[in-house]
Amino acid sequence: MSKVLIKQIINSKANENGLIDTGIHGVKLFKITESVRCAPAVYEPSITAIVSGDKEAILDGKKHFYDSNAYISCTVPLPVEAGTPSASPDNPLIGVYITLDTRMMTELAIEMESTSTARYKTNENSHAQGLSIAAWDEDFTNALTRLLALDDKPEDINILGKGRLRELYYAILKGEAGESARRAFGVGNAIPRAIDFLSSNLQHTVTIDDLACHVGMSRAVFHRKFKQATNLSPIQFIKSMRLNNAAMRIAEGTNVSVAAQEVGYVSSSQFSRDFKRLYGVTPKQWGLNQIRNRVNEQAKPPI
């Protein structure tokens, strides 16, 4: 019944495609009725829970599908390709997008590690991933329903919003994505700190030694733990983050040379080579293709 109620709340507010603010910090509803093929994106730390339809995310060639049976948890910024290939007016994608509040997640994760049983202790030898698919368990479903029930009630949101958001975070930390979340936000969160440092310095030259030094690890240990968390080597990750950010800028209309400089490329020719190797087309052709796709979508007759 809870998922039905969540769907009713979203449908009551979503009159068109896109994200809808709820008034609750970091919580947005969405309804998408058009098929969108996978394109470069950067997933920020967040939870996406779908009550109707399905979505696809690709990380390092591995496809992750999620729908009303499982939500996706991203605990560190990740360069992915994402899309809604099966969305349509008859089969809309409906769900909730929640940006994770770093401070609140960290406080909860550390509190769980310090006061709970060994069940919630972070396992240093585990290979928790930054991108996880987790089942909608009862605690998560109930917490999300209670959070969204504050809909359009400013006084209730101001007084109860933070508490109910904390309840949802707690459900996430206890659920199937909990190990990854506790590792990202709890004690010893070295790799997320390195990724945050990198994401804030894309326009600068950042080496593996810089990242390892930033979190107090040797280069070899950092390389191993980084790949365990992201499925990518540090060099692959840096390049993918830069190219995905550049592709997103170009798709929005930024000049190719400007986009390259904004993500830290000094050589335009090197940028073009790396871009074509990853996406199969030159940056200029990529931009033209995005414009053509938008024009074709706008030219479609109404259903």
C-alpha atoms as a PDB file:
ATOM      1  CA  MET A   1       0.000   0.000   0.000  1.00  0.00           C
ATOM      2  CA  SER A   2       2.877   2.408   0.732  1.00  0.00           C
ATOM      3  CA  LYS A   3       4.178   2.365  -2.842  1.00  0.00           C
ATOM      4  CA  VAL A   4       0.668   3.026  -4.109  1.00  0.00           C
ATOM      5  CA  LEU A   5       0.444   6.056  -1.812  1.00  0.00           C
ATOM      6  CA  ILE A   6       3.862   7.326  -2.969  1.00  0.00           C
ATOM      7  CA  LYS A   7       2.714   7.011  -6.587  1.00  0.00           C
ATOM      8  CA  GLN A   8      -0.489   8.902  -5.790  1.00  0.00           C
ATOM      9  CA  ILE A   9       1.493  11.739  -4.171  1.00  0.00           C
ATOM     10  CA  ILE A  10       3.758  12.058  -7.220  1.00  0.00           C
ATOM     11  CA  ASN A  11       0.893  11.912  -9.734  1.00  0.00           C
ATOM     12  CA  SER A  12      -0.978  14.592  -7.799  1.00  0.00           C
ATOM     13  CA  LYS A  13       1.960  16.992  -8.247  1.00  0.00           C
ATOM     14  CA  ALA A  14       3.507  15.955 -11.578  1.00  0.00           C
ATOM     15  CA  ASN A  15       1.665  17.591 -14.457  1.00  0.00           C
ATOM     16  CA  GLU A  16       4.632  17.428 -16.838  1.00  0.00           C
ATOM     17  CA  ASN A  17       8.059  15.858 -17.330  1.00  0.00           C
ATOM     18  CA  GLY A  18      10.865  16.627 -14.925  1.00  0.00           C
ATOM     19  CA  LEU A  19      11.738  17.040 -11.273  1.00  0.00           C
ATOM     20  CA  ILE A  20       9.306  18.488  -8.764  1.00  0.00           C
ATOM     21  CA  ASP A  21      10.409  20.108  -5.506  1.00  0.00           C
ATOM     22  CA  THR A  22       8.791  18.816  -2.328  1.00  0.00           C
ATOM     23  CA  GLY A  23       9.939  21.511   0.085  1.00  0.00           C
ATOM     24  CA  ILE A  24      11.934  18.869   1.971  1.00  0.00           C
ATOM     25  CA  HIS A  25      15.694  19.443   1.759  1.00  0.00           C
ATOM     26  CA  GLY A  26      17.221  17.307  -1.009  1.00  0.00           C
ATOM     27  CA  VAL A  27      13.990  15.468  -1.879  1.00  0.00           C
ATOM     28  CA  LYS A  28      12.488  15.710  -5.372  1.00  0.00           C
ATOM     29  CA  LEU A  29       9.763  13.793  -7.164  1.00  0.00           C
ATOM     30  CA  PHE A  30       9.961  12.987 -10.857  1.00  0.00           C
ATOM     31  CA  LYS A  31       7.805  11.824 -13.734  1.00  0.00           C
ATOM     32  CA  ILE A  32       9.309  11.093 -17.161  1.00  0.00           C
ATOM     33  CA  THR A  33       7.115  10.155 -20.132  1.00  0.00           C
ATOM     34  CA  GLU A  34       9.732  10.167 -22.906  1.00  0.00           C
ATOM     35  CA  SER A  35      12.353   7.580 -23.765  1.00  0.00           C
ATOM     36  CA  VAL A  36      15.873   8.935 -23.186  1.00  0.00           C
ATOM     37  CA  ARG A  37      18.828   6.890 -24.413  1.00  0.00           C
ATOM     38  CA  CYS A  38      21.829   6.500 -22.156  1.00  0.00           C
ATOM     39  CA  ALA A  39      24.155   9.515 -22.145  1.00  0.00           C
ATOM     40  CA  PRO A  40      27.114  10.666 -20.010  1.00  0.00           C
ATOM     41  CA  ALA A  41      26.181  11.843 -16.529  1.00  0.00           C
ATOM     42  CA  VAL A  42      27.730  12.201 -13.098  1.00  0.00           C
ATOM     43  CA  TYR A  43      25.779  10.593 -10.288  1.00  0.00           C
ATOM     44  CA  GLU A  44      26.142  12.508  -7.031  1.00  0.00           C
ATOM     45  CA  PRO A  45      25.637  10.824  -3.635  1.00  0.00           C
ATOM     46  CA  SER A  46      21.927  10.073  -3.763  1.00  0.00           C
ATOM     47  CA  ILE A  47      19.098   7.567  -3.648  1.00  0.00           C
ATOM     48  CA  THR A  48      16.680   7.027  -6.533  1.00  0.00           C
ATOM     49  CA  ALA A  49      13.535   5.048  -5.768  1.00  0.00           C
ATOM     50  CA  ILE A  50      11.135   4.163  -8.588  1.00  0.00           C
ATOM     51  CA  VAL A  51       7.478   3.231  -8.118  1.00  0.00           C
ATOM     52  CA  SER A  52       6.637   2.810 -11.817  1.00  0.00           C
ATOM     53  CA  GLY A  53       8.798   2.075 -14.862  1.00  0.00           C
ATOM     54  CA  ASP A  54      12.516   1.343 -14.881  1.00  0.00           C
ATOM     55  CA  LYS A  55      15.845   3.113 -15.363  1.00  0.00           C
ATOM     56  CA  GLU A  56      19.317   2.140 -16.536  1.00  0.00           C
ATOM     57  CA  ALA A  57      22.774   3.213 -15.384  1.00  0.00           C
ATOM     58  CA  ILE A  58      26.056   2.005 -16.915  1.00  0.00           C
ATOM     59  CA  LEU A  59      29.308   2.106 -14.962  1.00  0.00           C
ATOM     60  CA  ASP A  60      32.492   0.824 -16.598  1.00  0.00           C
ATOM     61  CA  GLY A  61      30.449  -1.152 -19.129  1.00  0.00           C
ATOM     62  CA  LYS A  62      28.282  -2.868 -16.494  1.00  0.00           C
ATOM     63  CA  LYS A  63      24.555  -2.193 -16.756  1.00  0.00           C
ATOM     64  CA  HIS A  64      22.494  -1.577 -13.618  1.00  0.00           C
ATOM     65  CA  PHE A  65      18.695  -1.764 -13.984  1.00  0.00           C
ATOM     66  CA  TYR A  66      16.400  -0.651 -11.195  1.00  0.00           C
ATOM     67  CA  ASP A  67      12.650  -0.400 -10.848  1.00  0.00           C
ATOM     68  CA  SER A  68       9.884  -0.613  -8.242  1.00  0.00           C
ATOM     69  CA  ASN A  69      11.480  -3.696  -6.679  1.00  0.00           C
ATOM     70  CA  ALA A  70      14.870  -2.101  -5.954  1.00  0.00           C
ATOM     71  CA  TYR A  71      16.252   1.385  -5.424  1.00  0.00           C
ATOM     72  CA  ILE A  72      19.713   2.553  -6.438  1.00  0.00           C
ATOM     73  CA  SER A  73      22.175   3.990  -3.943  1.00  0.00           C
ATOM     74  CA  CYS A  74      25.127   6.083  -5.078  1.00  0.00           C
ATOM     75  CA  THR A  75      27.455   6.932  -2.186  1.00  0.00           C
ATOM     76  CA  VAL A  76      30.246   8.721  -4.075  1.00  0.00           C
ATOM     77  CA  PRO A  77      30.264  10.895  -7.234  1.00  0.00           C
ATOM     78  CA  LEU A  78      30.544   8.497 -10.187  1.00  0.00           C
ATOM     79  CA  PRO A  79      30.894   8.970 -13.964  1.00  0.00           C
ATOM     80  CA  VAL A  80      28.123   6.915 -15.554  1.00  0.00           C
ATOM     81  CA  GLU A  81      25.867   6.725 -18.575  1.00  0.00           C
ATOM     82  CA  ALA A  82      22.204   6.908 -17.653  1.00  0.00           C
ATOM     83  CA  GLY A  83      18.892   6.856 -19.465  1.00  0.00           C
ATOM     84  CA  THR A  84      15.221   5.915 -19.439  1.00  0.00           C
ATOM     85  CA  PRO A  85      14.975   3.705 -22.560  1.00  0.00           C
ATOM     86  CA  SER A  86      11.525   2.266 -21.842  1.00  0.00           C
ATOM     87  CA  ALA A  87       9.712   5.416 -20.625  1.00  0.00           C
ATOM     88  CA  SER A  88       6.629   6.489 -22.591  1.00  0.00           C
ATOM     89  CA  PRO A  89       3.294   8.273 -22.000  1.00  0.00           C
ATOM     90  CA  ASP A  90       1.719   4.852 -21.415  1.00  0.00           C
ATOM     91  CA  ASN A  91       4.593   3.664 -19.213  1.00  0.00           C
ATOM     92  CA  PRO A  92       5.951   6.722 -17.384  1.00  0.00           C
ATOM     93  CA  LEU A  93       8.957   6.601 -15.089  1.00  0.00           C
ATOM     94  CA  ILE A  94       7.746   7.753 -11.659  1.00  0.00           C
ATOM     95  CA  GLY A  95       9.825   8.015  -8.525  1.00  0.00           C
ATOM     96  CA  VAL A  96      11.754   9.943  -5.894  1.00  0.00           C
ATOM     97  CA  TYR A  97      15.273  11.385  -6.058  1.00  0.00           C
ATOM     98  CA  ILE A  98      16.988  12.132  -2.753  1.00  0.00           C
ATOM     99  CA  THR A  99      20.337  13.891  -2.467  1.00  0.00           C
ATOM    100  CA  LEU A 100      22.191  12.459   0.533  1.00  0.00           C
ATOM    101  CA  ASP A 101      23.122  15.022   3.176  1.00  0.00           C
ATOM    102  CA  THR A 102      26.763  14.243   3.958  1.00  0.00           C
ATOM    103  CA  ARG A 103      26.679  15.595   7.489  1.00  0.00           C
ATOM    104  CA  MET A 104      23.546  13.719   8.529  1.00  0.00           C
ATOM    105  CA  MET A 105      24.686  10.457   6.894  1.00  0.00           C
ATOM    106  CA  THR A 106      28.109  10.748   8.560  1.00  0.00           C
ATOM    107  CA  GLU A 107      26.615  11.379  12.004  1.00  0.00           C
ATOM    108  CA  LEU A 108      24.302   8.378  11.646  1.00  0.00           C
ATOM    109  CA  ALA A 109      26.953   6.048  10.238  1.00  0.00           C
ATOM    110  CA  ILE A 110      29.423   6.857  13.013  1.00  0.00           C
ATOM    111  CA  GLU A 111      26.708   6.577  15.657  1.00  0.00           C
ATOM    112  CA  MET A 112      25.730   3.134  14.337  1.00  0.00           C
ATOM    113  CA  GLU A 113      29.351   1.965  14.358  1.00  0.00           C
ATOM    114  CA  SER A 114      29.929   3.187  17.905  1.00  0.00           C
ATOM    115  CA  THR A 115      26.683   2.101  19.571  1.00  0.00           C
ATOM    116  CA  SER A 116      25.361  -0.867  17.589  1.00  0.00           C
ATOM    117  CA  THR A 117      26.310  -4.512  17.523  1.00  0.00           C
ATOM    118  CA  ALA A 118      29.024  -5.938  15.274  1.00  0.00           C
ATOM    119  CA  ARG A 119      26.359  -6.268  12.584  1.00  0.00           C
ATOM    120  CA  TYR A 120      26.897  -2.621  11.671  1.00  0.00           C
ATOM    121  CA  LYS A 121      30.663  -2.472  11.995  1.00  0.00           C
ATOM    122  CA  THR A 122      32.377  -1.585   8.706  1.00  0.00           C
ATOM    123  CA  ASN A 123      34.276  -4.581   7.387  1.00  0.00           C
ATOM    124  CA  GLU A 124      37.701  -3.381   6.256  1.00  0.00           C
ATOM    125  CA  ASN A 125      38.117  -6.435   4.039  1.00  0.00           C
ATOM    126  CA  SER A 126      34.806  -6.026   2.218  1.00  0.00           C
ATOM    127  CA  HIS A 127      34.554  -4.680  -1.324  1.00  0.00           C
ATOM    128  CA  ALA A 128      31.567  -2.360  -0.928  1.00  0.00           C
ATOM    129  CA  GLN A 129      30.711  -0.593  -4.185  1.00  0.00           C
ATOM    130  CA  GLY A 130      29.892   3.076  -4.660  1.00  0.00           C
ATOM    131  CA  LEU A 131      26.854   2.109  -6.763  1.00  0.00           C
ATOM    132  CA  SER A 132      24.474  -0.415  -5.193  1.00  0.00           C
ATOM    133  CA  ILE A 133      21.069  -1.852  -5.994  1.00  0.00           C
ATOM    134  CA  ALA A 134      19.041  -2.516  -2.834  1.00  0.00           C
ATOM    135  CA  ALA A 135      15.654  -4.136  -2.293  1.00  0.00           C
ATOM    136  CA  TRP A 136      12.726  -2.062  -1.067  1.00  0.00           C
ATOM    137  CA  ASP A 137      12.526  -3.540   2.413  1.00  0.00           C
ATOM    138  CA  GLU A 138       9.746  -2.711   4.854  1.00  0.00           C
ATOM    139  CA  ASP A 139      11.770  -0.166   6.845  1.00  0.00           C
ATOM    140  CA  PHE A 140      12.792   1.766   3.718  1.00  0.00           C
ATOM    141  CA  THR A 141       9.261   1.734   2.265  1.00  0.00           C
ATOM    142  CA  ASN A 142       7.623   2.894   5.494  1.00  0.00           C
ATOM    143  CA  ALA A 143      10.223   5.610   6.125  1.00  0.00           C
ATOM    144  CA  LEU A 144       9.899   6.978   2.578  1.00  0.00           C
ATOM    145  CA  THR A 145       6.105   7.002   2.809  1.00  0.00           C
ATOM    146  CA  ARG A 146       6.191   8.875   6.137  1.00  0.00           C
ATOM    147  CA  LEU A 147       8.633  11.400   4.665  1.00  0.00           C
ATOM    148  CA  LEU A 148       6.523  12.108   1.571  1.00  0.00           C
ATOM    149  CA  ALA A 149       3.347  12.284   3.668  1.00  0.00           C
ATOM    150  CA  LEU A 150       4.602  15.726   4.770  1.00  0.00           C
ATOM    151  CA  ASP A 151       3.790  16.897   1.222  1.00  0.00           C
ATOM    152  CA  ASP A 152       2.610  20.528   0.956  1.00  0.00           C
ATOM    153  CA  LYS A 153       2.568  21.052   4.734  1.00  0.00           C
ATOM    154  CA  PRO A 154       5.258  23.695   5.403  1.00  0.00           C
ATOM    155  CA  GLU A 155       4.819  23.658   9.188  1.00  0.00           C
ATOM    156  CA  ASP A 156       5.066  19.853   9.344  1.00  0.00           C
ATOM    157  CA  ILE A 157       8.090  19.911   7.039  1.00  0.00           C
ATOM    158  CA  ASN A 158       9.884  22.492   9.192  1.00  0.00           C
ATOM    159  CA  ILE A 159       9.230  20.586  12.417  1.00  0.00           C
ATOM    160  CA  LEU A 160       9.281  16.939  11.294  1.00  0.00           C
ATOM    161  CA  GLY A 161      11.194  16.964   8.000  1.00  0.00           C
ATOM    162  CA  LYS A 162      14.708  16.508   9.360  1.00  0.00           C
ATOM    163  CA  GLY A 163      13.616  13.730  11.714  1.00  0.00           C
ATOM    164  CA  ARG A 164      11.833  11.768   9.005  1.00  0.00           C
ATOM    165  CA  LEU A 165      14.744  12.245   6.622  1.00  0.00           C
ATOM    166  CA  ARG A 166      17.013  10.861   9.332  1.00  0.00           C
ATOM    167  CA  GLU A 167      14.641   7.894   9.696  1.00  0.00           C
ATOM    168  CA  LEU A 168      14.963   7.193   5.951  1.00  0.00           C
ATOM    169  CA  TYR A 169      18.754   7.477   6.081  1.00  0.00           C
ATOM    170  CA  TYR A 170      18.790   5.013   8.961  1.00  0.00           C
ATOM    171  CA  ALA A 171      16.722   2.553   6.886  1.00  0.00           C
ATOM    172  CA  ILE A 172      19.236   2.907   4.030  1.00  0.00           C
ATOM    173  CA  LEU A 173      22.193   2.327   6.346  1.00  0.00           C
ATOM    174  CA  LYS A 174      20.523  -0.838   7.701  1.00  0.00           C
ATOM    175  CA  GLY A 175      19.461  -2.138   4.272  1.00  0.00           C
ATOM    176  CA  GLU A 176      21.220  -3.915   1.424  1.00  0.00           C
ATOM    177  CA  ALA A 177      23.084  -0.729   0.463  1.00  0.00           C
ATOM    178  CA  GLY A 178      24.129  -0.171   4.074  1.00  0.00           C
ATOM    179  CA  GLU A 179      27.658  -1.576   3.872  1.00  0.00           C
ATOM    180  CA  SER A 180      28.521   0.737   0.976  1.00  0.00           C
ATOM    181  CA  ALA A 181      26.875   3.729   2.687  1.00  0.00           C
ATOM    182  CA  ARG A 182      28.566   3.100   6.033  1.00  0.00           C
ATOM    183  CA  ARG A 183      31.929   2.763   4.334  1.00  0.00           C
ATOM    184  CA  ALA A 184      31.356   6.020   2.415  1.00  0.00           C
ATOM    185  CA  PHE A 185      30.111   8.103   5.338  1.00  0.00           C
ATOM    186  CA  GLY A 186      31.470   6.361   8.431  1.00  0.00           C
ATOM    187  CA  VAL A 187      34.889   6.018  10.001  1.00  0.00           C
ATOM    188  CA  GLY A 188      37.688   5.420   7.503  1.00  0.00           C
ATOM    189  CA  ASN A 189      35.923   6.975   4.492  1.00  0.00           C
ATOM    190  CA  ALA A 190      39.203   7.605   2.663  1.00  0.00           C
ATOM    191  CA  ILE A 191      38.077   6.842  -0.901  1.00  0.00           C
ATOM    192  CA  PRO A 192      34.970   9.091  -0.783  1.00  0.00           C
ATOM    193  CA  ARG A 193      37.178  11.891   0.579  1.00  0.00           C
ATOM    194  CA  ALA A 194      39.607  11.375  -2.308  1.00  0.00           C
ATOM    195  CA  ILE A 195      36.760  11.453  -4.842  1.00  0.00           C
ATOM    196  CA  ASP A 196      35.342  14.610  -3.272  1.00  0.00           C
ATOM    197  CA  PHE A 197      38.787  16.227  -3.517  1.00  0.00           C
ATOM    198  CA  LEU A 198      39.076  15.195  -7.160  1.00  0.00           C
ATOM    199  CA  SER A 199      35.568  16.384  -8.048  1.00  0.00           C
ATOM    200  CA  SER A 200      36.365  19.800  -6.579  1.00  0.00           C
ATOM    201  CA  ASN A 201      39.603  20.067  -8.555  1.00  0.00           C
ATOM    202  CA  LEU A 202      38.746  18.731 -12.025  1.00  0.00           C
ATOM    203  CA  GLN A 203      40.154  21.869 -13.652  1.00  0.00           C
ATOM    204  CA  HIS A 204      43.538  21.289 -12.023  1.00  0.00           C
ATOM    205  CA  THR A 205      46.182  18.631 -12.594  1.00  0.00           C
ATOM    206  CA  VAL A 206      45.546  15.940  -9.980  1.00  0.00           C
ATOM    207  CA  THR A 207      47.770  12.853  -9.829  1.00  0.00           C
ATOM    208  CA  ILE A 208      47.294   9.507  -8.122  1.00  0.00           C
ATOM    209  CA  ASP A 209      50.045  10.489  -5.702  1.00  0.00           C
ATOM    210  CA  ASP A 210      48.108  13.673  -4.861  1.00  0.00           C
ATOM    211  CA  LEU A 211      44.964  11.665  -4.077  1.00  0.00           C
ATOM    212  CA  ALA A 212      46.818   9.020  -2.063  1.00  0.00           C
ATOM    213  CA  CYS A 213      48.614  11.705  -0.079  1.00  0.00           C
ATOM    214  CA  HIS A 214      45.335  13.561   0.546  1.00  0.00           C
ATOM    215  CA  VAL A 215      43.906  10.532   2.385  1.00  0.00           C
ATOM    216  CA  GLY A 216      47.168   9.322   3.942  1.00  0.00           C
ATOM    217  CA  MET A 217      47.627   6.090   1.977  1.00  0.00           C
ATOM    218  CA  SER A 218      50.447   4.575   0.000  1.00  0.00           C
ATOM    219  CA  ARG A 219      49.969   4.659  -3.779  1.00  0.00           C
ATOM    220  CA  ALA A 220      49.570   0.847  -3.989  1.00  0.00           C
ATOM    221  CA  VAL A 221      46.986   0.574  -1.185  1.00  0.00           C
ATOM    222  CA  PHE A 222      45.076   3.582  -2.508  1.00  0.00           C
ATOM    223  CA  HIS A 223      44.964   2.110  -6.032  1.00  0.00           C
ATOM    224  CA  ARG A 224      43.593  -1.225  -4.743  1.00  0.00           C
ATOM    225  CA  LYS A 225      40.943   0.275  -2.454  1.00  0.00           C
ATOM    226  CA  PHE A 226      39.900   2.831  -5.064  1.00  0.00           C
ATOM    227  CA  LYS A 227      39.197   0.147  -7.666  1.00  0.00           C
ATOM    228  CA  GLN A 228      37.275  -1.922  -5.121  1.00  0.00           C
ATOM    229  CA  ALA A 229      34.978   1.046  -4.444  1.00  0.00           C
ATOM    230  CA  THR A 230      34.439   2.318  -7.997  1.00  0.00           C
ATOM    231  CA  ASN A 231      35.260  -0.578 -10.386  1.00  0.00           C
ATOM    232  CA  LEU A 232      37.679   1.846 -12.067  1.00  0.00           C
ATOM    233  CA  SER A 233      41.368   2.512 -11.610  1.00  0.00           C
ATOM    234  CA  PRO A 234      42.156   6.051 -10.385  1.00  0.00           C
ATOM    235  CA  ILE A 235      43.406   7.030 -13.853  1.00  0.00           C
ATOM    236  CA  GLN A 236      40.270   5.650 -15.544  1.00  0.00           C
ATOM    237  CA  PHE A 237      38.097   7.426 -12.989  1.00  0.00           C
ATOM    238  CA  ILE A 238      39.803  10.804 -13.423  1.00  0.00           C
ATOM    239  CA  LYS A 239      39.520  10.577 -17.202  1.00  0.00           C
ATOM    240  CA  SER A 240      35.877   9.433 -17.113  1.00  0.00           C
ATOM    241  CA  MET A 241      34.877  12.176 -14.670  1.00  0.00           C
ATOM    242  CA  ARG A 242      36.488  14.822 -16.857  1.00  0.00           C
ATOM    243  CA  LEU A 243      35.043  13.503 -20.111  1.00  0.00           C
ATOM    244  CA  ASN A 244      31.544  12.967 -18.698  1.00  0.00           C
ATOM    245  CA  ASN A 245      31.499  16.496 -17.286  1.00  0.00           C
ATOM    246  CA  ALA A 246      32.751  17.847 -20.620  1.00  0.00           C
ATOM    247  CA  ALA A 247      30.118  15.876 -22.568  1.00  0.00           C
ATOM    248  CA  MET A 248      27.375  17.260 -20.329  1.00  0.00           C
ATOM    249  CA  ARG A 249      28.659  20.827 -20.852  1.00  0.00           C
ATOM    250  CA  ILE A 250      28.873  20.392 -24.626  1.00  0.00           C
ATOM    251  CA  ALA A 251      25.337  18.963 -24.721  1.00  0.00           C
ATOM    252  CA  GLU A 252      24.180  22.135 -22.926  1.00  0.00           C
ATOM    253  CA  GLY A 253      25.830  24.315 -25.596  1.00  0.00           C
ATOM    254  CA  THR A 254      29.298  25.044 -24.176  1.00  0.00           C
ATOM    255  CA  ASN A 255      32.044  25.532 -26.767  1.00  0.00           C
ATOM    256  CA  VAL A 256      34.226  22.418 -27.149  1.00  0.00           C
ATOM    257  CA  SER A 257      37.486  24.218 -26.305  1.00  0.00           C
ATOM    258  CA  VAL A 258      35.929  25.903 -23.269  1.00  0.00           C
ATOM    259  CA  ALA A 259      34.485  22.596 -22.029  1.00  0.00           C
ATOM    260  CA  ALA A 260      37.894  20.936 -22.363  1.00  0.00           C
ATOM    261  CA  GLN A 261      39.582  23.689 -20.341  1.00  0.00           C
ATOM    262  CA  GLU A 262      36.871  23.638 -17.665  1.00  0.00           C
ATOM    263  CA  VAL A 263      37.554  19.963 -16.925  1.00  0.00           C
ATOM    264  CA  GLY A 264      41.332  20.280 -16.831  1.00  0.00           C
ATOM    265  CA  TYR A 265      42.523  19.511 -20.377  1.00  0.00           C
ATOM    266  CA  VAL A 266      45.425  21.647 -21.573  1.00  0.00           C
ATOM    267  CA  SER A 267      45.714  20.042 -25.022  1.00  0.00           C
ATOM    268  CA  SER A 268      42.640  20.264 -27.293  1.00  0.00           C
ATOM    269  CA  SER A 269      43.969  17.481 -29.502  1.00  0.00           C
ATOM    270  CA  GLN A 270      44.411  15.155 -26.503  1.00  0.00           C
ATOM    271  CA  PHE A 271      40.887  16.004 -25.354  1.00  0.00           C
ATOM    272  CA  SER A 272      39.487  15.145 -28.805  1.00  0.00           C
ATOM    273  CA  ARG A 273      41.372  11.845 -28.909  1.00  0.00           C
ATOM    274  CA  ASP A 274      40.234  10.800 -25.435  1.00  0.00           C
ATOM    275  CA  PHE A 275      36.664  11.901 -26.129  1.00  0.00           C
ATOM    276  CA  LYS A 276      36.402   9.967 -29.387  1.00  0.00           C
ATOM    277  CA  ARG A 277      37.984   6.883 -27.810  1.00  0.00           C
ATOM    278  CA  LEU A 278      35.293   6.869 -25.098  1.00  0.00           C
ATOM    279  CA  TYR A 279      32.207   7.994 -27.033  1.00  0.00           C
ATOM    280  CA  GLY A 280      33.031   6.983 -30.605  1.00  0.00           C
ATOM    281  CA  VAL A 281      32.601  10.500 -32.057  1.00  0.00           C
ATOM    282  CA  THR A 282      34.485  13.798 -31.863  1.00  0.00           C
ATOM    283  CA  PRO A 283      33.355  16.394 -29.294  1.00  0.00           C
ATOM    284  CA  LYS A 284      32.019  18.619 -32.092  1.00  0.00           C
ATOM    285  CA  GLN A 285      30.001  15.763 -33.606  1.00  0.00           C
ATOM    286  CA  TRP A 286      28.725  14.871 -30.133  1.00  0.00           C
ATOM    287  CA  GLY A 287      27.370  18.387 -29.691  1.00  0.00           C
ATOM    288  CA  LEU A 288      25.699  18.335 -33.102  1.00  0.00           C
ATOM    289  CA  ASN A 289      24.135  14.948 -32.367  1.00  0.00           C
ATOM    290  CA  GLN A 290      22.659  16.258 -29.113  1.00  0.00           C
ATOM    291  CA  ILE A 291      21.135  19.251 -30.908  1.00  0.00           C
ATOM    292  CA  ARG A 292      19.725  16.965 -33.615  1.00  0.00           C
ATOM    293  CA  ASN A 293      18.216  14.630 -31.013  1.00  0.00           C
ATOM    294  CA  ARG A 294      16.513  17.527 -29.231  1.00  0.00           C
ATOM    295  CA  VAL A 295      15.096  18.845 -32.523  1.00  0.00           C
ATOM    296  CA  ASN A 296      13.784  15.396 -33.454  1.00  0.00           C
ATOM    297  CA  GLU A 297      12.126  14.981 -30.054  1.00  0.00           C
ATOM    298  CA  GLN A 298      10.444  18.378 -30.346  1.00  0.00           C
ATOM    299  CA  ALA A 299       9.239  17.510 -33.867  1.00  0.00           C
ATOM    300  CA  LYS A 300       7.415  14.354 -32.729  1.00  0.00           C
ATOM    301  CA  PRO A 301       3.627  14.649 -33.103  1.00  0.00           C
ATOM    302  CA  PRO A 302       1.655  14.657 -29.833  1.00  0.00           C
ATOM    303  CA  ILE A 303       0.263  11.295 -28.746  1.00  0.00           C
END
